Amino acid sequence: MSLIIGIDPGSRLTGYGIIEKQGQNLTFVDAGTIRTETPEMPERLKRIFAGVERIVKFYGPTEASVEQVFMAQNPDSALKLGQARGAAIAALVNLDLQVAEYTARQIKQSVVGYGAADKEQVQMMVMRILKLSVKPQQDAADALAAAICHAHASGSMSKMAVLNALGGMSRGRSRVSTRRR
């Protein structure tokens, strides 16, 4: 079993989502947003850092996933987003969590099956995957999607490690199929 926190960084709203992974089963634990509600950027970064730290200390996730910065058309917005992301990552690593990073396209591909999906599609698929009866707020849904993406990716990496180990031990005898039936 692992507890995964996903972070969707933003300078005004930073989404977080926590899921539990047990085998192939994913279960919703919590999700929400950290609202900075102040015009000064240094104070926003402080609130993001403190908010992420408080959530991690409360839930004790074992894995973390953060959405990478995309290059916005507005350089100022991209810089602010990068700073918010840095504050969130600093809080995670300060509490000894390793951080996996995924592009928005990778996250959407993993959750929706389409890398250019819109926010509404992500929300709907997060609801379906986690069997939620209420649609999560967009930033929280994006954070849950980041956690789901990591759960899928870490499962694939574990499977590849096992297959590589088996392949190394049984060369030439038989092949292990990873196709689902």
C-alpha atoms as a PDB file:
ATOM      1  CA  MET A   1       0.000   0.000   0.000  1.00  0.00           C
ATOM      2  CA  SER A   2       1.181   3.505  -0.738  1.00  0.00           C
ATOM      3  CA  LEU A   3      -0.263   6.938  -0.132  1.00  0.00           C
ATOM      4  CA  ILE A   4       0.366   9.345  -2.997  1.00  0.00           C
ATOM      5  CA  ILE A   5       0.038  13.126  -2.947  1.00  0.00           C
ATOM      6  CA  GLY A   6      -0.380  14.962  -6.219  1.00  0.00           C
ATOM      7  CA  ILE A   7       0.256  18.698  -6.513  1.00  0.00           C
ATOM      8  CA  ASP A   8      -1.071  21.072  -9.188  1.00  0.00           C
ATOM      9  CA  PRO A   9       0.971  24.216  -8.503  1.00  0.00           C
ATOM     10  CA  GLY A  10      -0.436  27.695  -8.936  1.00  0.00           C
ATOM     11  CA  SER A  11       0.520  31.071  -7.510  1.00  0.00           C
ATOM     12  CA  ARG A  12      -3.045  31.824  -6.338  1.00  0.00           C
ATOM     13  CA  LEU A  13      -4.505  28.308  -6.028  1.00  0.00           C
ATOM     14  CA  THR A  14      -2.379  25.217  -5.520  1.00  0.00           C
ATOM     15  CA  GLY A  15      -4.348  22.010  -5.831  1.00  0.00           C
ATOM     16  CA  TYR A  16      -3.558  18.906  -3.830  1.00  0.00           C
ATOM     17  CA  GLY A  17      -4.974  15.418  -4.033  1.00  0.00           C
ATOM     18  CA  ILE A  18      -4.219  12.331  -2.008  1.00  0.00           C
ATOM     19  CA  ILE A  19      -4.983   8.778  -3.061  1.00  0.00           C
ATOM     20  CA  GLU A  20      -4.213   5.370  -1.657  1.00  0.00           C
ATOM     21  CA  LYS A  21      -2.855   2.697  -3.972  1.00  0.00           C
ATOM     22  CA  GLN A  22      -3.268  -0.918  -2.953  1.00  0.00           C
ATOM     23  CA  GLY A  23      -2.284  -3.229  -5.782  1.00  0.00           C
ATOM     24  CA  GLN A  24      -4.203  -1.931  -8.786  1.00  0.00           C
ATOM     25  CA  ASN A  25      -6.912  -0.292  -6.664  1.00  0.00           C
ATOM     26  CA  LEU A  26      -6.915   3.484  -6.235  1.00  0.00           C
ATOM     27  CA  THR A  27      -8.953   5.071  -3.440  1.00  0.00           C
ATOM     28  CA  PHE A  28      -9.699   8.739  -2.827  1.00  0.00           C
ATOM     29  CA  VAL A  29      -8.387  10.080   0.498  1.00  0.00           C
ATOM     30  CA  ASP A  30      -8.641  13.884   0.264  1.00  0.00           C
ATOM     31  CA  ALA A  31      -8.330  16.809  -2.127  1.00  0.00           C
ATOM     32  CA  GLY A  32      -8.540  20.570  -2.011  1.00  0.00           C
ATOM     33  CA  THR A  33      -6.727  23.797  -2.693  1.00  0.00           C
ATOM     34  CA  ILE A  34      -4.247  25.967  -0.894  1.00  0.00           C
ATOM     35  CA  ARG A  35      -5.411  29.550  -1.400  1.00  0.00           C
ATOM     36  CA  THR A  36      -2.764  32.225  -1.058  1.00  0.00           C
ATOM     37  CA  GLU A  37      -5.101  35.262  -1.050  1.00  0.00           C
ATOM     38  CA  THR A  38      -2.396  37.914  -0.841  1.00  0.00           C
ATOM     39  CA  PRO A  39      -0.912  40.203  -3.508  1.00  0.00           C
ATOM     40  CA  GLU A  40       2.733  39.786  -2.369  1.00  0.00           C
ATOM     41  CA  MET A  41       4.520  36.895  -4.083  1.00  0.00           C
ATOM     42  CA  PRO A  42       6.883  36.084  -1.175  1.00  0.00           C
ATOM     43  CA  GLU A  43       3.878  35.702   1.147  1.00  0.00           C
ATOM     44  CA  ARG A  44       2.118  33.469  -1.420  1.00  0.00           C
ATOM     45  CA  LEU A  45       5.179  31.212  -1.598  1.00  0.00           C
ATOM     46  CA  LYS A  46       5.294  31.018   2.193  1.00  0.00           C
ATOM     47  CA  ARG A  47       1.627  29.985   2.284  1.00  0.00           C
ATOM     48  CA  ILE A  48       2.127  27.335  -0.411  1.00  0.00           C
ATOM     49  CA  PHE A  49       5.142  25.902   1.424  1.00  0.00           C
ATOM     50  CA  ALA A  50       3.327  25.888   4.788  1.00  0.00           C
ATOM     51  CA  GLY A  51       0.135  24.449   3.268  1.00  0.00           C
ATOM     52  CA  VAL A  52       1.883  21.573   1.522  1.00  0.00           C
ATOM     53  CA  GLU A  53       3.951  20.877   4.628  1.00  0.00           C
ATOM     54  CA  ARG A  54       0.842  20.810   6.854  1.00  0.00           C
ATOM     55  CA  ILE A  55      -0.972  18.393   4.491  1.00  0.00           C
ATOM     56  CA  VAL A  56       2.038  16.064   4.246  1.00  0.00           C
ATOM     57  CA  LYS A  57       2.503  16.010   8.021  1.00  0.00           C
ATOM     58  CA  PHE A  58      -1.203  15.258   8.539  1.00  0.00           C
ATOM     59  CA  TYR A  59      -1.606  12.463   5.962  1.00  0.00           C
ATOM     60  CA  GLY A  60       1.948  11.102   5.761  1.00  0.00           C
ATOM     61  CA  PRO A  61       2.078  10.249   2.046  1.00  0.00           C
ATOM     62  CA  THR A  62       4.885   7.962   0.926  1.00  0.00           C
ATOM     63  CA  GLU A  63       5.085   9.246  -2.660  1.00  0.00           C
ATOM     64  CA  ALA A  64       4.672  12.636  -4.345  1.00  0.00           C
ATOM     65  CA  SER A  65       3.826  13.783  -7.845  1.00  0.00           C
ATOM     66  CA  VAL A  66       4.012  17.348  -9.144  1.00  0.00           C
ATOM     67  CA  GLU A  67       2.906  18.742 -12.477  1.00  0.00           C
ATOM     68  CA  GLN A  68       5.760  20.321 -14.431  1.00  0.00           C
ATOM     69  CA  VAL A  69       5.599  23.927 -15.551  1.00  0.00           C
ATOM     70  CA  PHE A  70       4.370  24.468 -19.073  1.00  0.00           C
ATOM     71  CA  MET A  71       5.654  27.414 -21.032  1.00  0.00           C
ATOM     72  CA  ALA A  72       2.881  29.985 -20.876  1.00  0.00           C
ATOM     73  CA  GLN A  73       2.615  32.780 -23.413  1.00  0.00           C
ATOM     74  CA  ASN A  74       3.106  35.302 -20.623  1.00  0.00           C
ATOM     75  CA  PRO A  75       6.676  35.011 -19.226  1.00  0.00           C
ATOM     76  CA  ASP A  76       5.658  36.689 -15.939  1.00  0.00           C
ATOM     77  CA  SER A  77       2.937  34.067 -15.389  1.00  0.00           C
ATOM     78  CA  ALA A  78       5.405  31.264 -16.149  1.00  0.00           C
ATOM     79  CA  LEU A  79       7.877  32.667 -13.610  1.00  0.00           C
ATOM     80  CA  LYS A  80       5.207  32.914 -10.899  1.00  0.00           C
ATOM     81  CA  LEU A  81       4.043  29.395 -11.641  1.00  0.00           C
ATOM     82  CA  GLY A  82       7.642  28.154 -11.439  1.00  0.00           C
ATOM     83  CA  GLN A  83       8.089  29.853  -8.077  1.00  0.00           C
ATOM     84  CA  ALA A  84       4.869  28.309  -6.738  1.00  0.00           C
ATOM     85  CA  ARG A  85       5.987  24.903  -7.992  1.00  0.00           C
ATOM     86  CA  GLY A  86       9.363  25.394  -6.330  1.00  0.00           C
ATOM     87  CA  ALA A  87       7.735  26.233  -2.989  1.00  0.00           C
ATOM     88  CA  ALA A  88       5.597  23.071  -3.176  1.00  0.00           C
ATOM     89  CA  ILE A  89       8.559  20.868  -4.154  1.00  0.00           C
ATOM     90  CA  ALA A  90      10.713  22.399  -1.401  1.00  0.00           C
ATOM     91  CA  ALA A  91       8.044  21.530   1.174  1.00  0.00           C
ATOM     92  CA  LEU A  92       7.833  17.942  -0.113  1.00  0.00           C
ATOM     93  CA  VAL A  93      11.593  17.316  -0.163  1.00  0.00           C
ATOM     94  CA  ASN A  94      11.989  19.096   3.181  1.00  0.00           C
ATOM     95  CA  LEU A  95       9.864  16.262   4.586  1.00  0.00           C
ATOM     96  CA  ASP A  96      12.011  13.636   2.810  1.00  0.00           C
ATOM     97  CA  LEU A  97       9.579  12.740   0.021  1.00  0.00           C
ATOM     98  CA  GLN A  98      10.959  11.922  -3.400  1.00  0.00           C
ATOM     99  CA  VAL A  99       9.153  13.927  -6.046  1.00  0.00           C
ATOM    100  CA  ALA A 100       8.134  12.542  -9.426  1.00  0.00           C
ATOM    101  CA  GLU A 101       7.427  15.145 -12.092  1.00  0.00           C
ATOM    102  CA  TYR A 102       5.047  14.767 -15.029  1.00  0.00           C
ATOM    103  CA  THR A 103       4.033  17.099 -17.827  1.00  0.00           C
ATOM    104  CA  ALA A 104       0.395  18.140 -18.133  1.00  0.00           C
ATOM    105  CA  ARG A 105       0.261  16.090 -21.336  1.00  0.00           C
ATOM    106  CA  GLN A 106       1.538  12.948 -19.555  1.00  0.00           C
ATOM    107  CA  ILE A 107      -0.986  13.402 -16.752  1.00  0.00           C
ATOM    108  CA  LYS A 108      -3.908  13.901 -19.135  1.00  0.00           C
ATOM    109  CA  GLN A 109      -2.790  10.957 -21.277  1.00  0.00           C
ATOM    110  CA  SER A 110      -2.616   8.724 -18.207  1.00  0.00           C
ATOM    111  CA  VAL A 111      -6.022   9.731 -16.834  1.00  0.00           C
ATOM    112  CA  VAL A 112      -8.117  10.591 -19.896  1.00  0.00           C
ATOM    113  CA  GLY A 113      -6.214   8.758 -22.631  1.00  0.00           C
ATOM    114  CA  TYR A 114      -5.768  11.998 -24.560  1.00  0.00           C
ATOM    115  CA  GLY A 115      -2.894  14.400 -23.883  1.00  0.00           C
ATOM    116  CA  ALA A 116      -4.812  17.508 -24.969  1.00  0.00           C
ATOM    117  CA  ALA A 117      -7.901  16.841 -22.831  1.00  0.00           C
ATOM    118  CA  ASP A 118      -9.617  19.840 -21.260  1.00  0.00           C
ATOM    119  CA  LYS A 119     -10.108  20.409 -17.532  1.00  0.00           C
ATOM    120  CA  GLU A 120     -13.728  19.202 -17.645  1.00  0.00           C
ATOM    121  CA  GLN A 121     -12.637  15.857 -19.154  1.00  0.00           C
ATOM    122  CA  VAL A 122      -9.966  15.477 -16.464  1.00  0.00           C
ATOM    123  CA  GLN A 123     -12.525  16.178 -13.726  1.00  0.00           C
ATOM    124  CA  MET A 124     -14.949  13.610 -15.137  1.00  0.00           C
ATOM    125  CA  MET A 125     -12.319  10.872 -15.487  1.00  0.00           C
ATOM    126  CA  VAL A 126     -10.955  11.539 -11.993  1.00  0.00           C
ATOM    127  CA  MET A 127     -14.517  11.109 -10.702  1.00  0.00           C
ATOM    128  CA  ARG A 128     -14.890   7.842 -12.597  1.00  0.00           C
ATOM    129  CA  ILE A 129     -11.477   6.389 -11.654  1.00  0.00           C
ATOM    130  CA  LEU A 130     -11.837   7.247  -7.957  1.00  0.00           C
ATOM    131  CA  LYS A 131     -15.609   6.543  -7.870  1.00  0.00           C
ATOM    132  CA  LEU A 132     -16.435  10.032  -6.582  1.00  0.00           C
ATOM    133  CA  SER A 133     -20.046  11.212  -6.385  1.00  0.00           C
ATOM    134  CA  VAL A 134     -19.092  14.907  -6.364  1.00  0.00           C
ATOM    135  CA  LYS A 135     -16.989  16.674  -8.977  1.00  0.00           C
ATOM    136  CA  PRO A 136     -13.773  18.001  -7.380  1.00  0.00           C
ATOM    137  CA  GLN A 137     -12.733  21.629  -7.906  1.00  0.00           C
ATOM    138  CA  GLN A 138     -10.549  21.931 -11.062  1.00  0.00           C
ATOM    139  CA  ASP A 139      -7.192  22.454  -9.317  1.00  0.00           C
ATOM    140  CA  ALA A 140      -7.929  19.607  -6.897  1.00  0.00           C
ATOM    141  CA  ALA A 141      -8.978  17.371  -9.822  1.00  0.00           C
ATOM    142  CA  ASP A 142      -5.716  18.191 -11.622  1.00  0.00           C
ATOM    143  CA  ALA A 143      -3.772  17.286  -8.465  1.00  0.00           C
ATOM    144  CA  LEU A 144      -5.676  14.004  -8.119  1.00  0.00           C
ATOM    145  CA  ALA A 145      -4.901  13.339 -11.795  1.00  0.00           C
ATOM    146  CA  ALA A 146      -1.183  13.887 -11.065  1.00  0.00           C
ATOM    147  CA  ALA A 147      -1.403  11.348  -8.231  1.00  0.00           C
ATOM    148  CA  ILE A 148      -3.250   8.867 -10.472  1.00  0.00           C
ATOM    149  CA  CYS A 149      -0.632   9.354 -13.198  1.00  0.00           C
ATOM    150  CA  HIS A 150       2.103   8.567 -10.693  1.00  0.00           C
ATOM    151  CA  ALA A 151       0.233   5.491  -9.446  1.00  0.00           C
ATOM    152  CA  HIS A 152       0.027   4.210 -13.019  1.00  0.00           C
ATOM    153  CA  ALA A 153       3.644   5.112 -13.814  1.00  0.00           C
ATOM    154  CA  SER A 154       5.071   3.608 -10.618  1.00  0.00           C
ATOM    155  CA  GLY A 155       3.121   0.408 -11.278  1.00  0.00           C
ATOM    156  CA  SER A 156       4.572   0.238 -14.789  1.00  0.00           C
ATOM    157  CA  MET A 157       8.080   0.834 -13.471  1.00  0.00           C
ATOM    158  CA  SER A 158       7.671  -1.939 -10.875  1.00  0.00           C
ATOM    159  CA  LYS A 159       6.375  -4.316 -13.539  1.00  0.00           C
ATOM    160  CA  MET A 160       9.329  -3.471 -15.807  1.00  0.00           C
ATOM    161  CA  ALA A 161      11.795  -4.087 -12.968  1.00  0.00           C
ATOM    162  CA  VAL A 162      10.269  -7.519 -12.282  1.00  0.00           C
ATOM    163  CA  LEU A 163      10.278  -8.399 -15.988  1.00  0.00           C
ATOM    164  CA  ASN A 164      13.900  -7.292 -16.329  1.00  0.00           C
ATOM    165  CA  ALA A 165      14.862  -9.409 -13.328  1.00  0.00           C
ATOM    166  CA  LEU A 166      12.987 -12.420 -14.708  1.00  0.00           C
ATOM    167  CA  GLY A 167      14.489 -11.863 -18.156  1.00  0.00           C
ATOM    168  CA  GLY A 168      17.967 -11.781 -16.676  1.00  0.00           C
ATOM    169  CA  MET A 169      17.418 -15.036 -14.807  1.00  0.00           C
ATOM    170  CA  SER A 170      15.705 -17.045 -17.530  1.00  0.00           C
ATOM    171  CA  ARG A 171      17.274 -15.985 -20.804  1.00  0.00           C
ATOM    172  CA  GLY A 172      16.245 -18.173 -23.693  1.00  0.00           C
ATOM    173  CA  ARG A 173      13.739 -20.329 -21.799  1.00  0.00           C
ATOM    174  CA  SER A 174      10.422 -18.519 -21.957  1.00  0.00           C
ATOM    175  CA  ARG A 175       8.988 -15.093 -22.417  1.00  0.00           C
ATOM    176  CA  VAL A 176       6.744 -13.327 -19.946  1.00  0.00           C
ATOM    177  CA  SER A 177       3.785 -11.583 -21.543  1.00  0.00           C
ATOM    178  CA  THR A 178       2.609  -8.263 -20.098  1.00  0.00           C
ATOM    179  CA  ARG A 179      -0.468  -8.013 -22.305  1.00  0.00           C
ATOM    180  CA  ARG A 180      -3.805  -7.862 -20.554  1.00  0.00           C
ATOM    181  CA  ARG A 181      -6.331 -10.459 -21.578  1.00  0.00           C
END
